[in-house]
Amino acid sequence: MQYVTRFNLQPLQGGAFREWLTKNDALLREGQAQGWTYLGAWFTVHGFGRYDVELRYEVGDYANLCAGFGSEALQKAWIEASDMILPGQGEVSLLFGSARRLDAYRMISSKGIPR
């Protein structure tokens, strides 16, 4: 499944955030918590969409959501980037790969539940 986070940047910080992403690309890929894979970042174009930036991660399963925040170096890098991000203006979504996978998950998760 994919963990998607969207947020807005402080005014005039798009270029600086792109530079931060480029500088920290290896860290974003290698410093993730166990079960997390960084898929990349996307920017909106000319104001289309509610958010400036979208980051996507592949997450193995729900247990990985509690796996921590990645390496100490990655956490320090995010602290550096936090000055470029507008606080309180974001959202997170959890997406399944397909309806078929969602149905399979529902079948597995409903086993053992009394009806």
PDB file of N, CA and C in Angstrom:
ATOM      1  N   MET A   1       0.839  -1.170   0.000  1.00  0.00           N
ATOM      2  CA  MET A   1       0.000   0.000   0.000  1.00  0.00           C
ATOM      3  C   MET A   1       0.889   1.238   0.000  1.00  0.00           C
ATOM      4  N   GLN A   2       0.314   2.347  -0.397  1.00  0.00           N
ATOM      5  CA  GLN A   2       1.088   3.584  -0.452  1.00  0.00           C
ATOM      6  C   GLN A   2       0.623   4.558   0.630  1.00  0.00           C
ATOM      7  N   TYR A   3       1.607   5.169   1.282  1.00  0.00           N
ATOM      8  CA  TYR A   3       1.389   6.237   2.245  1.00  0.00           C
ATOM      9  C   TYR A   3       1.701   7.523   1.498  1.00  0.00           C
ATOM     10  N   VAL A   4       0.716   8.408   1.393  1.00  0.00           N
ATOM     11  CA  VAL A   4       0.859   9.640   0.619  1.00  0.00           C
ATOM     12  C   VAL A   4       0.668  10.825   1.558  1.00  0.00           C
ATOM     13  N   THR A   5       1.626  11.721   1.569  1.00  0.00           N
ATOM     14  CA  THR A   5       1.497  12.934   2.376  1.00  0.00           C
ATOM     15  C   THR A   5       1.610  14.147   1.460  1.00  0.00           C
ATOM     16  N   ARG A   6       0.714  15.094   1.665  1.00  0.00           N
ATOM     17  CA  ARG A   6       0.682  16.313   0.849  1.00  0.00           C
ATOM     18  C   ARG A   6       0.768  17.513   1.782  1.00  0.00           C
ATOM     19  N   PHE A   7       1.470  18.547   1.317  1.00  0.00           N
ATOM     20  CA  PHE A   7       1.602  19.746   2.150  1.00  0.00           C
ATOM     21  C   PHE A   7       1.940  20.941   1.279  1.00  0.00           C
ATOM     22  N   ASN A   8       1.818  22.126   1.868  1.00  0.00           N
ATOM     23  CA  ASN A   8       2.171  23.371   1.196  1.00  0.00           C
ATOM     24  C   ASN A   8       3.499  23.884   1.733  1.00  0.00           C
ATOM     25  N   LEU A   9       4.172  24.634   0.886  1.00  0.00           N
ATOM     26  CA  LEU A   9       5.457  25.226   1.256  1.00  0.00           C
ATOM     27  C   LEU A   9       5.277  26.695   1.619  1.00  0.00           C
ATOM     28  N   GLN A  10       6.204  27.197   2.400  1.00  0.00           N
ATOM     29  CA  GLN A  10       6.249  28.628   2.686  1.00  0.00           C
ATOM     30  C   GLN A  10       6.409  29.367   1.349  1.00  0.00           C
ATOM     31  N   PRO A  11       5.936  30.609   1.248  1.00  0.00           N
ATOM     32  CA  PRO A  11       6.092  31.366   0.000  1.00  0.00           C
ATOM     33  C   PRO A  11       7.550  31.404  -0.466  1.00  0.00           C
ATOM     34  N   LEU A  12       7.729  31.220  -1.755  1.00  0.00           N
ATOM     35  CA  LEU A  12       9.029  31.298  -2.434  1.00  0.00           C
ATOM     36  C   LEU A  12      10.025  30.226  -1.981  1.00  0.00           C
ATOM     37  N   GLN A  13       9.541  29.103  -1.462  1.00  0.00           N
ATOM     38  CA  GLN A  13      10.437  28.042  -1.000  1.00  0.00           C
ATOM     39  C   GLN A  13      10.461  26.820  -1.922  1.00  0.00           C
ATOM     40  N   GLY A  14       9.760  26.872  -3.051  1.00  0.00           N
ATOM     41  CA  GLY A  14       9.724  25.728  -3.960  1.00  0.00           C
ATOM     42  C   GLY A  14      11.104  25.322  -4.453  1.00  0.00           C
ATOM     43  N   GLY A  15      11.890  26.287  -4.887  1.00  0.00           N
ATOM     44  CA  GLY A  15      13.241  25.993  -5.373  1.00  0.00           C
ATOM     45  C   GLY A  15      14.134  25.445  -4.280  1.00  0.00           C
ATOM     46  N   ALA A  16      14.057  26.034  -3.100  1.00  0.00           N
ATOM     47  CA  ALA A  16      14.876  25.567  -1.973  1.00  0.00           C
ATOM     48  C   ALA A  16      14.476  24.155  -1.564  1.00  0.00           C
ATOM     49  N   PHE A  17      13.170  23.857  -1.603  1.00  0.00           N
ATOM     50  CA  PHE A  17      12.739  22.505  -1.231  1.00  0.00           C
ATOM     51  C   PHE A  17      13.180  21.488  -2.279  1.00  0.00           C
ATOM     52  N   ARG A  18      13.128  21.852  -3.558  1.00  0.00           N
ATOM     53  CA  ARG A  18      13.637  20.952  -4.612  1.00  0.00           C
ATOM     54  C   ARG A  18      15.116  20.670  -4.405  1.00  0.00           C
ATOM     55  N   GLU A  19      15.878  21.704  -4.055  1.00  0.00           N
ATOM     56  CA  GLU A  19      17.306  21.509  -3.773  1.00  0.00           C
ATOM     57  C   GLU A  19      17.501  20.588  -2.574  1.00  0.00           C
ATOM     58  N   TRP A  20      16.680  20.762  -1.537  1.00  0.00           N
ATOM     59  CA  TRP A  20      16.761  19.893  -0.361  1.00  0.00           C
ATOM     60  C   TRP A  20      16.478  18.441  -0.750  1.00  0.00           C
ATOM     61  N   LEU A  21      15.443  18.228  -1.591  1.00  0.00           N
ATOM     62  CA  LEU A  21      15.121  16.871  -2.042  1.00  0.00           C
ATOM     63  C   LEU A  21      16.284  16.251  -2.808  1.00  0.00           C
ATOM     64  N   THR A  22      16.898  17.036  -3.691  1.00  0.00           N
ATOM     65  CA  THR A  22      18.030  16.534  -4.472  1.00  0.00           C
ATOM     66  C   THR A  22      19.203  16.193  -3.563  1.00  0.00           C
ATOM     67  N   LYS A  23      19.509  17.087  -2.639  1.00  0.00           N
ATOM     68  CA  LYS A  23      20.634  16.884  -1.719  1.00  0.00           C
ATOM     69  C   LYS A  23      20.418  15.659  -0.835  1.00  0.00           C
ATOM     70  N   ASN A  24      19.185  15.396  -0.456  1.00  0.00           N
ATOM     71  CA  ASN A  24      18.881  14.319   0.487  1.00  0.00           C
ATOM     72  C   ASN A  24      18.248  13.088  -0.160  1.00  0.00           C
ATOM     73  N   ASP A  25      18.340  12.973  -1.489  1.00  0.00           N
ATOM     74  CA  ASP A  25      17.693  11.858  -2.186  1.00  0.00           C
ATOM     75  C   ASP A  25      18.160  10.500  -1.661  1.00  0.00           C
ATOM     76  N   ALA A  26      19.459  10.301  -1.540  1.00  0.00           N
ATOM     77  CA  ALA A  26      19.971   9.006  -1.059  1.00  0.00           C
ATOM     78  C   ALA A  26      19.490   8.738   0.366  1.00  0.00           C
ATOM     79  N   LEU A  27      19.480   9.753   1.193  1.00  0.00           N
ATOM     80  CA  LEU A  27      19.028   9.604   2.577  1.00  0.00           C
ATOM     81  C   LEU A  27      17.537   9.265   2.631  1.00  0.00           C
ATOM     82  N   LEU A  28      16.739   9.902   1.767  1.00  0.00           N
ATOM     83  CA  LEU A  28      15.309   9.610   1.714  1.00  0.00           C
ATOM     84  C   LEU A  28      15.060   8.165   1.287  1.00  0.00           C
ATOM     85  N   ARG A  29      15.913   7.636   0.434  1.00  0.00           N
ATOM     86  CA  ARG A  29      15.747   6.256  -0.035  1.00  0.00           C
ATOM     87  C   ARG A  29      16.303   5.231   0.954  1.00  0.00           C
ATOM     88  N   GLU A  30      17.419   5.545   1.587  1.00  0.00           N
ATOM     89  CA  GLU A  30      18.113   4.557   2.420  1.00  0.00           C
ATOM     90  C   GLU A  30      17.841   4.708   3.913  1.00  0.00           C
ATOM     91  N   GLY A  31      17.363   5.861   4.356  1.00  0.00           N
ATOM     92  CA  GLY A  31      17.205   6.109   5.783  1.00  0.00           C
ATOM     93  C   GLY A  31      15.822   5.843   6.342  1.00  0.00           C
ATOM     94  N   GLN A  32      14.926   5.280   5.528  1.00  0.00           N
ATOM     95  CA  GLN A  32      13.551   5.046   5.973  1.00  0.00           C
ATOM     96  C   GLN A  32      13.487   3.965   7.044  1.00  0.00           C
ATOM     97  N   ALA A  33      12.429   4.012   7.825  1.00  0.00           N
ATOM     98  CA  ALA A  33      12.177   2.971   8.821  1.00  0.00           C
ATOM     99  C   ALA A  33      11.938   1.642   8.110  1.00  0.00           C
ATOM    100  N   GLN A  34      12.097   0.551   8.843  1.00  0.00           N
ATOM    101  CA  GLN A  34      11.906  -0.778   8.276  1.00  0.00           C
ATOM    102  C   GLN A  34      10.504  -0.913   7.689  1.00  0.00           C
ATOM    103  N   GLY A  35      10.421  -1.435   6.470  1.00  0.00           N
ATOM    104  CA  GLY A  35       9.145  -1.637   5.806  1.00  0.00           C
ATOM    105  C   GLY A  35       8.667  -0.462   4.975  1.00  0.00           C
ATOM    106  N   TRP A  36       9.421   0.640   4.974  1.00  0.00           N
ATOM    107  CA  TRP A  36       9.062   1.832   4.207  1.00  0.00           C
ATOM    108  C   TRP A  36      10.012   1.979   3.025  1.00  0.00           C
ATOM    109  N   THR A  37       9.464   2.315   1.858  1.00  0.00           N
ATOM    110  CA  THR A  37      10.265   2.599   0.671  1.00  0.00           C
ATOM    111  C   THR A  37       9.831   3.954   0.118  1.00  0.00           C
ATOM    112  N   TYR A  38      10.772   4.871  -0.002  1.00  0.00           N
ATOM    113  CA  TYR A  38      10.485   6.201  -0.559  1.00  0.00           C
ATOM    114  C   TYR A  38      10.308   6.063  -2.066  1.00  0.00           C
ATOM    115  N   LEU A  39       9.181   6.522  -2.600  1.00  0.00           N
ATOM    116  CA  LEU A  39       8.897   6.429  -4.032  1.00  0.00           C
ATOM    117  C   LEU A  39       9.183   7.718  -4.782  1.00  0.00           C
ATOM    118  N   GLY A  40       9.148   8.853  -4.097  1.00  0.00           N
ATOM    119  CA  GLY A  40       9.457  10.102  -4.766  1.00  0.00           C
ATOM    120  C   GLY A  40       8.568  11.244  -4.323  1.00  0.00           C
ATOM    121  N   ALA A  41       8.855  12.412  -4.906  1.00  0.00           N
ATOM    122  CA  ALA A  41       8.122  13.640  -4.602  1.00  0.00           C
ATOM    123  C   ALA A  41       7.577  14.220  -5.899  1.00  0.00           C
ATOM    124  N   TRP A  42       6.400  14.807  -5.817  1.00  0.00           N
ATOM    125  CA  TRP A  42       5.768  15.449  -6.959  1.00  0.00           C
ATOM    126  C   TRP A  42       5.320  16.842  -6.545  1.00  0.00           C
ATOM    127  N   PHE A  43       5.401  17.777  -7.482  1.00  0.00           N
ATOM    128  CA  PHE A  43       4.972  19.154  -7.242  1.00  0.00           C
ATOM    129  C   PHE A  43       3.772  19.460  -8.125  1.00  0.00           C
ATOM    130  N   THR A  44       2.865  20.321  -7.629  1.00  0.00           N
ATOM    131  CA  THR A  44       1.774  20.778  -8.481  1.00  0.00           C
ATOM    132  C   THR A  44       2.335  21.781  -9.483  1.00  0.00           C
ATOM    133  N   VAL A  45       1.615  21.968 -10.571  1.00  0.00           N
ATOM    134  CA  VAL A  45       2.075  22.861 -11.632  1.00  0.00           C
ATOM    135  C   VAL A  45       1.160  24.074 -11.697  1.00  0.00           C
ATOM    136  N   HIS A  46       1.739  25.250 -11.556  1.00  0.00           N
ATOM    137  CA  HIS A  46       1.006  26.517 -11.683  1.00  0.00           C
ATOM    138  C   HIS A  46      -0.257  26.561 -10.834  1.00  0.00           C
ATOM    139  N   GLY A  47      -0.189  26.047  -9.624  1.00  0.00           N
ATOM    140  CA  GLY A  47      -1.301  26.164  -8.699  1.00  0.00           C
ATOM    141  C   GLY A  47      -2.427  25.169  -8.869  1.00  0.00           C
ATOM    142  N   PHE A  48      -2.281  24.172  -9.753  1.00  0.00           N
ATOM    143  CA  PHE A  48      -3.325  23.155  -9.883  1.00  0.00           C
ATOM    144  C   PHE A  48      -3.220  22.203  -8.698  1.00  0.00           C
ATOM    145  N   GLY A  49      -4.282  22.094  -7.937  1.00  0.00           N
ATOM    146  CA  GLY A  49      -4.286  21.234  -6.758  1.00  0.00           C
ATOM    147  C   GLY A  49      -4.226  22.057  -5.487  1.00  0.00           C
ATOM    148  N   ARG A  50      -4.632  21.439  -4.377  1.00  0.00           N
ATOM    149  CA  ARG A  50      -4.680  22.146  -3.089  1.00  0.00           C
ATOM    150  C   ARG A  50      -3.330  22.217  -2.405  1.00  0.00           C
ATOM    151  N   TYR A  51      -2.412  21.333  -2.774  1.00  0.00           N
ATOM    152  CA  TYR A  51      -1.130  21.258  -2.071  1.00  0.00           C
ATOM    153  C   TYR A  51       0.025  21.423  -3.046  1.00  0.00           C
ATOM    154  N   ASP A  52       1.124  21.960  -2.554  1.00  0.00           N
ATOM    155  CA  ASP A  52       2.299  22.208  -3.390  1.00  0.00           C
ATOM    156  C   ASP A  52       3.096  20.942  -3.673  1.00  0.00           C
ATOM    157  N   VAL A  53       3.194  20.058  -2.682  1.00  0.00           N
ATOM    158  CA  VAL A  53       4.090  18.903  -2.764  1.00  0.00           C
ATOM    159  C   VAL A  53       3.357  17.644  -2.317  1.00  0.00           C
ATOM    160  N   GLU A  54       3.693  16.536  -2.970  1.00  0.00           N
ATOM    161  CA  GLU A  54       3.194  15.227  -2.554  1.00  0.00           C
ATOM    162  C   GLU A  54       4.377  14.282  -2.461  1.00  0.00           C
ATOM    163  N   LEU A  55       4.517  13.596  -1.333  1.00  0.00           N
ATOM    164  CA  LEU A  55       5.542  12.568  -1.150  1.00  0.00           C
ATOM    165  C   LEU A  55       4.840  11.228  -1.045  1.00  0.00           C
ATOM    166  N   ARG A  56       5.422  10.203  -1.688  1.00  0.00           N
ATOM    167  CA  ARG A  56       4.827   8.867  -1.641  1.00  0.00           C
ATOM    168  C   ARG A  56       5.833   7.850  -1.134  1.00  0.00           C
ATOM    169  N   TYR A  57       5.305   6.926  -0.338  1.00  0.00           N
ATOM    170  CA  TYR A  57       6.093   5.829   0.215  1.00  0.00           C
ATOM    171  C   TYR A  57       5.322   4.531   0.003  1.00  0.00           C
ATOM    172  N   GLU A  58       6.028   3.452  -0.247  1.00  0.00           N
ATOM    173  CA  GLU A  58       5.423   2.118  -0.241  1.00  0.00           C
ATOM    174  C   GLU A  58       5.605   1.579   1.173  1.00  0.00           C
ATOM    175  N   VAL A  59       4.516   1.090   1.751  1.00  0.00           N
ATOM    176  CA  VAL A  59       4.550   0.558   3.111  1.00  0.00           C
ATOM    177  C   VAL A  59       4.102  -0.899   3.045  1.00  0.00           C
ATOM    178  N   GLY A  60       4.908  -1.794   3.610  1.00  0.00           N
ATOM    179  CA  GLY A  60       4.627  -3.225   3.522  1.00  0.00           C
ATOM    180  C   GLY A  60       3.280  -3.624   4.099  1.00  0.00           C
ATOM    181  N   ASP A  61       2.984  -3.210   5.313  1.00  0.00           N
ATOM    182  CA  ASP A  61       1.686  -3.490   5.928  1.00  0.00           C
ATOM    183  C   ASP A  61       1.464  -2.524   7.091  1.00  0.00           C
ATOM    184  N   TYR A  62       0.318  -2.661   7.732  1.00  0.00           N
ATOM    185  CA  TYR A  62      -0.027  -1.730   8.808  1.00  0.00           C
ATOM    186  C   TYR A  62       0.990  -1.721   9.940  1.00  0.00           C
ATOM    187  N   ALA A  63       1.608  -2.852  10.229  1.00  0.00           N
ATOM    188  CA  ALA A  63       2.600  -2.910  11.311  1.00  0.00           C
ATOM    189  C   ALA A  63       3.749  -1.941  11.051  1.00  0.00           C
ATOM    190  N   ASN A  64       4.082  -1.712   9.786  1.00  0.00           N
ATOM    191  CA  ASN A  64       5.174  -0.802   9.447  1.00  0.00           C
ATOM    192  C   ASN A  64       4.852   0.657   9.754  1.00  0.00           C
ATOM    193  N   LEU A  65       3.581   0.986   9.927  1.00  0.00           N
ATOM    194  CA  LEU A  65       3.224   2.360  10.269  1.00  0.00           C
ATOM    195  C   LEU A  65       3.747   2.736  11.657  1.00  0.00           C
ATOM    196  N   CYS A  66       4.056   1.744  12.474  1.00  0.00           N
ATOM    197  CA  CYS A  66       4.583   1.974  13.828  1.00  0.00           C
ATOM    198  C   CYS A  66       6.082   1.703  13.901  1.00  0.00           C
ATOM    199  N   ALA A  67       6.760   1.683  12.759  1.00  0.00           N
ATOM    200  CA  ALA A  67       8.172   1.284  12.714  1.00  0.00           C
ATOM    201  C   ALA A  67       9.134   2.399  13.100  1.00  0.00           C
ATOM    202  N   GLY A  68       8.645   3.575  13.428  1.00  0.00           N
ATOM    203  CA  GLY A  68       9.526   4.678  13.794  1.00  0.00           C
ATOM    204  C   GLY A  68       9.632   5.699  12.681  1.00  0.00           C
ATOM    205  N   PHE A  69      10.637   6.552  12.791  1.00  0.00           N
ATOM    206  CA  PHE A  69      10.762   7.678  11.865  1.00  0.00           C
ATOM    207  C   PHE A  69      12.008   7.606  11.002  1.00  0.00           C
ATOM    208  N   GLY A  70      12.622   6.459  10.898  1.00  0.00           N
ATOM    209  CA  GLY A  70      13.809   6.327  10.074  1.00  0.00           C
ATOM    210  C   GLY A  70      15.068   6.664  10.852  1.00  0.00           C
ATOM    211  N   SER A  71      16.156   6.777  10.117  1.00  0.00           N
ATOM    212  CA  SER A  71      17.458   7.003  10.744  1.00  0.00           C
ATOM    213  C   SER A  71      17.532   8.377  11.408  1.00  0.00           C
ATOM    214  N   GLU A  72      18.478   8.517  12.307  1.00  0.00           N
ATOM    215  CA  GLU A  72      18.683   9.806  12.976  1.00  0.00           C
ATOM    216  C   GLU A  72      19.055  10.885  11.959  1.00  0.00           C
ATOM    217  N   ALA A  73      19.860  10.513  10.964  1.00  0.00           N
ATOM    218  CA  ALA A  73      20.247  11.474   9.921  1.00  0.00           C
ATOM    219  C   ALA A  73      19.028  11.949   9.137  1.00  0.00           C
ATOM    220  N   LEU A  74      18.099  11.043   8.837  1.00  0.00           N
ATOM    221  CA  LEU A  74      16.885  11.423   8.115  1.00  0.00           C
ATOM    222  C   LEU A  74      16.027  12.356   8.967  1.00  0.00           C
ATOM    223  N   GLN A  75      15.912  12.080  10.247  1.00  0.00           N
ATOM    224  CA  GLN A  75      15.136  12.950  11.130  1.00  0.00           C
ATOM    225  C   GLN A  75      15.745  14.350  11.198  1.00  0.00           C
ATOM    226  N   LYS A  76      17.069  14.440  11.250  1.00  0.00           N
ATOM    227  CA  LYS A  76      17.735  15.750  11.261  1.00  0.00           C
ATOM    228  C   LYS A  76      17.494  16.493   9.950  1.00  0.00           C
ATOM    229  N   ALA A  77      17.505  15.763   8.838  1.00  0.00           N
ATOM    230  CA  ALA A  77      17.250  16.393   7.540  1.00  0.00           C
ATOM    231  C   ALA A  77      15.832  16.961   7.488  1.00  0.00           C
ATOM    232  N   TRP A  78      14.847  16.223   8.029  1.00  0.00           N
ATOM    233  CA  TRP A  78      13.471  16.721   8.042  1.00  0.00           C
ATOM    234  C   TRP A  78      13.322  17.938   8.944  1.00  0.00           C
ATOM    235  N   ILE A  79      14.082  18.001  10.024  1.00  0.00           N
ATOM    236  CA  ILE A  79      14.060  19.202  10.872  1.00  0.00           C
ATOM    237  C   ILE A  79      14.558  20.397  10.067  1.00  0.00           C
ATOM    238  N   GLU A  80      15.603  20.189   9.273  1.00  0.00           N
ATOM    239  CA  GLU A  80      16.132  21.242   8.394  1.00  0.00           C
ATOM    240  C   GLU A  80      15.067  21.699   7.399  1.00  0.00           C
ATOM    241  N   ALA A  81      14.309  20.759   6.846  1.00  0.00           N
ATOM    242  CA  ALA A  81      13.298  21.090   5.836  1.00  0.00           C
ATOM    243  C   ALA A  81      12.049  21.718   6.438  1.00  0.00           C
ATOM    244  N   SER A  82      11.830  21.529   7.720  1.00  0.00           N
ATOM    245  CA  SER A  82      10.570  21.977   8.324  1.00  0.00           C
ATOM    246  C   SER A  82      10.362  23.486   8.224  1.00  0.00           C
ATOM    247  N   ASP A  83      11.433  24.260   8.132  1.00  0.00           N
ATOM    248  CA  ASP A  83      11.288  25.712   7.980  1.00  0.00           C
ATOM    249  C   ASP A  83      10.692  26.095   6.627  1.00  0.00           C
ATOM    250  N   MET A  84      10.743  25.186   5.657  1.00  0.00           N
ATOM    251  CA  MET A  84      10.211  25.468   4.325  1.00  0.00           C
ATOM    252  C   MET A  84       8.744  25.065   4.186  1.00  0.00           C
ATOM    253  N   ILE A  85       8.213  24.337   5.158  1.00  0.00           N
ATOM    254  CA  ILE A  85       6.866  23.772   5.073  1.00  0.00           C
ATOM    255  C   ILE A  85       5.900  24.598   5.920  1.00  0.00           C
ATOM    256  N   LEU A  86       4.730  24.911   5.344  1.00  0.00           N
ATOM    257  CA  LEU A  86       3.695  25.621   6.098  1.00  0.00           C
ATOM    258  C   LEU A  86       3.082  24.668   7.117  1.00  0.00           C
ATOM    259  N   PRO A  87       3.071  25.024   8.381  1.00  0.00           N
ATOM    260  CA  PRO A  87       2.509  24.129   9.396  1.00  0.00           C
ATOM    261  C   PRO A  87       0.988  24.049   9.308  1.00  0.00           C
ATOM    262  N   GLY A  88       0.463  22.878   9.621  1.00  0.00           N
ATOM    263  CA  GLY A  88      -0.982  22.701   9.715  1.00  0.00           C
ATOM    264  C   GLY A  88      -1.731  22.691   8.405  1.00  0.00           C
ATOM    265  N   GLN A  89      -1.029  22.616   7.282  1.00  0.00           N
ATOM    266  CA  GLN A  89      -1.707  22.635   5.985  1.00  0.00           C
ATOM    267  C   GLN A  89      -1.309  21.409   5.181  1.00  0.00           C
ATOM    268  N   GLY A  90      -1.756  20.272   5.590  1.00  0.00           N
ATOM    269  CA  GLY A  90      -1.417  19.059   4.868  1.00  0.00           C
ATOM    270  C   GLY A  90      -2.421  17.965   5.136  1.00  0.00           C
ATOM    271  N   GLU A  91      -2.200  16.847   4.450  1.00  0.00           N
ATOM    272  CA  GLU A  91      -3.054  15.690   4.653  1.00  0.00           C
ATOM    273  C   GLU A  91      -2.256  14.434   4.353  1.00  0.00           C
ATOM    274  N   VAL A  92      -2.727  13.330   4.884  1.00  0.00           N
ATOM    275  CA  VAL A  92      -2.105  12.031   4.660  1.00  0.00           C
ATOM    276  C   VAL A  92      -3.181  11.076   4.181  1.00  0.00           C
ATOM    277  N   SER A  93      -2.845  10.241   3.196  1.00  0.00           N
ATOM    278  CA  SER A  93      -3.757   9.215   2.693  1.00  0.00           C
ATOM    279  C   SER A  93      -3.029   7.882   2.679  1.00  0.00           C
ATOM    280  N   LEU A  94      -3.778   6.821   2.824  1.00  0.00           N
ATOM    281  CA  LEU A  94      -3.237   5.477   2.711  1.00  0.00           C
ATOM    282  C   LEU A  94      -3.968   4.814   1.561  1.00  0.00           C
ATOM    283  N   LEU A  95      -3.247   4.467   0.497  1.00  0.00           N
ATOM    284  CA  LEU A  95      -3.852   3.929  -0.713  1.00  0.00           C
ATOM    285  C   LEU A  95      -3.480   2.466  -0.897  1.00  0.00           C
ATOM    286  N   PHE A  96      -4.465   1.653  -1.258  1.00  0.00           N
ATOM    287  CA  PHE A  96      -4.196   0.272  -1.627  1.00  0.00           C
ATOM    288  C   PHE A  96      -3.876   0.233  -3.106  1.00  0.00           C
ATOM    289  N   GLY A  97      -3.124  -0.776  -3.534  1.00  0.00           N
ATOM    290  CA  GLY A  97      -2.689  -0.872  -4.922  1.00  0.00           C
ATOM    291  C   GLY A  97      -3.826  -1.061  -5.900  1.00  0.00           C
ATOM    292  N   SER A  98      -4.863  -1.788  -5.507  1.00  0.00           N
ATOM    293  CA  SER A  98      -5.973  -2.030  -6.417  1.00  0.00           C
ATOM    294  C   SER A  98      -7.187  -2.471  -5.611  1.00  0.00           C
ATOM    295  N   ALA A  99      -8.331  -2.450  -6.242  1.00  0.00           N
ATOM    296  CA  ALA A  99      -9.547  -2.915  -5.579  1.00  0.00           C
ATOM    297  C   ALA A  99      -9.429  -4.396  -5.239  1.00  0.00           C
ATOM    298  N   ARG A 100      -8.757  -5.169  -6.078  1.00  0.00           N
ATOM    299  CA  ARG A 100      -8.579  -6.597  -5.814  1.00  0.00           C
ATOM    300  C   ARG A 100      -7.790  -6.797  -4.518  1.00  0.00           C
ATOM    301  N   ARG A 101      -6.717  -6.031  -4.330  1.00  0.00           N
ATOM    302  CA  ARG A 101      -5.928  -6.140  -3.101  1.00  0.00           C
ATOM    303  C   ARG A 101      -6.748  -5.699  -1.899  1.00  0.00           C
ATOM    304  N   LEU A 102      -7.578  -4.685  -2.061  1.00  0.00           N
ATOM    305  CA  LEU A 102      -8.426  -4.224  -0.963  1.00  0.00           C
ATOM    306  C   LEU A 102      -9.410  -5.315  -0.569  1.00  0.00           C
ATOM    307  N   ASP A 103     -10.038  -5.974  -1.560  1.00  0.00           N
ATOM    308  CA  ASP A 103     -10.956  -7.069  -1.259  1.00  0.00           C
ATOM    309  C   ASP A 103     -10.231  -8.198  -0.540  1.00  0.00           C
ATOM    310  N   ALA A 104      -9.023  -8.529  -0.969  1.00  0.00           N
ATOM    311  CA  ALA A 104      -8.242  -9.577  -0.309  1.00  0.00           C
ATOM    312  C   ALA A 104      -7.943  -9.179   1.125  1.00  0.00           C
ATOM    313  N   TYR A 105      -7.617  -7.924   1.353  1.00  0.00           N
ATOM    314  CA  TYR A 105      -7.348  -7.452   2.716  1.00  0.00           C
ATOM    315  C   TYR A 105      -8.602  -7.572   3.579  1.00  0.00           C
ATOM    316  N   ARG A 106      -9.739  -7.189   3.032  1.00  0.00           N
ATOM    317  CA  ARG A 106     -10.984  -7.271   3.799  1.00  0.00           C
ATOM    318  C   ARG A 106     -11.281  -8.714   4.200  1.00  0.00           C
ATOM    319  N   MET A 107     -11.050  -9.659   3.270  1.00  0.00           N
ATOM    320  CA  MET A 107     -11.306 -11.065   3.577  1.00  0.00           C
ATOM    321  C   MET A 107     -10.376 -11.541   4.685  1.00  0.00           C
ATOM    322  N   ILE A 108      -9.099 -11.186   4.595  1.00  0.00           N
ATOM    323  CA  ILE A 108      -8.127 -11.624   5.595  1.00  0.00           C
ATOM    324  C   ILE A 108      -8.430 -10.993   6.944  1.00  0.00           C
ATOM    325  N   SER A 109      -8.710  -9.693   6.954  1.00  0.00           N
ATOM    326  CA  SER A 109      -8.901  -8.997   8.228  1.00  0.00           C
ATOM    327  C   SER A 109     -10.223  -9.358   8.898  1.00  0.00           C
ATOM    328  N   SER A 110     -11.199  -9.866   8.143  1.00  0.00           N
ATOM    329  CA  SER A 110     -12.488 -10.195   8.748  1.00  0.00           C
ATOM    330  C   SER A 110     -12.520 -11.603   9.330  1.00  0.00           C
ATOM    331  N   LYS A 111     -11.513 -12.430   9.047  1.00  0.00           N
ATOM    332  CA  LYS A 111     -11.490 -13.785   9.604  1.00  0.00           C
ATOM    333  C   LYS A 111     -11.357 -13.704  11.115  1.00  0.00           C
ATOM    334  N   GLY A 112     -12.108 -14.522  11.781  1.00  0.00           N
ATOM    335  CA  GLY A 112     -12.022 -14.561  13.234  1.00  0.00           C
ATOM    336  C   GLY A 112     -12.906 -13.538  13.936  1.00  0.00           C
ATOM    337  N   ILE A 113     -13.579 -12.696  13.178  1.00  0.00           N
ATOM    338  CA  ILE A 113     -14.481 -11.716  13.788  1.00  0.00           C
ATOM    339  C   ILE A 113     -15.858 -12.359  13.899  1.00  0.00           C
ATOM    340  N   PRO A 114     -16.413 -12.448  15.107  1.00  0.00           N
ATOM    341  CA  PRO A 114     -17.740 -13.065  15.254  1.00  0.00           C
ATOM    342  C   PRO A 114     -18.793 -12.270  14.494  1.00  0.00           C
ATOM    343  N   ARG A 115     -19.679 -12.992  13.883  1.00  0.00           N
ATOM    344  CA  ARG A 115     -20.752 -12.334  13.119  1.00  0.00           C
ATOM    345  C   ARG A 115     -22.064 -12.519  13.822  1.00  0.00           C
TER     346      ARG A 115
END
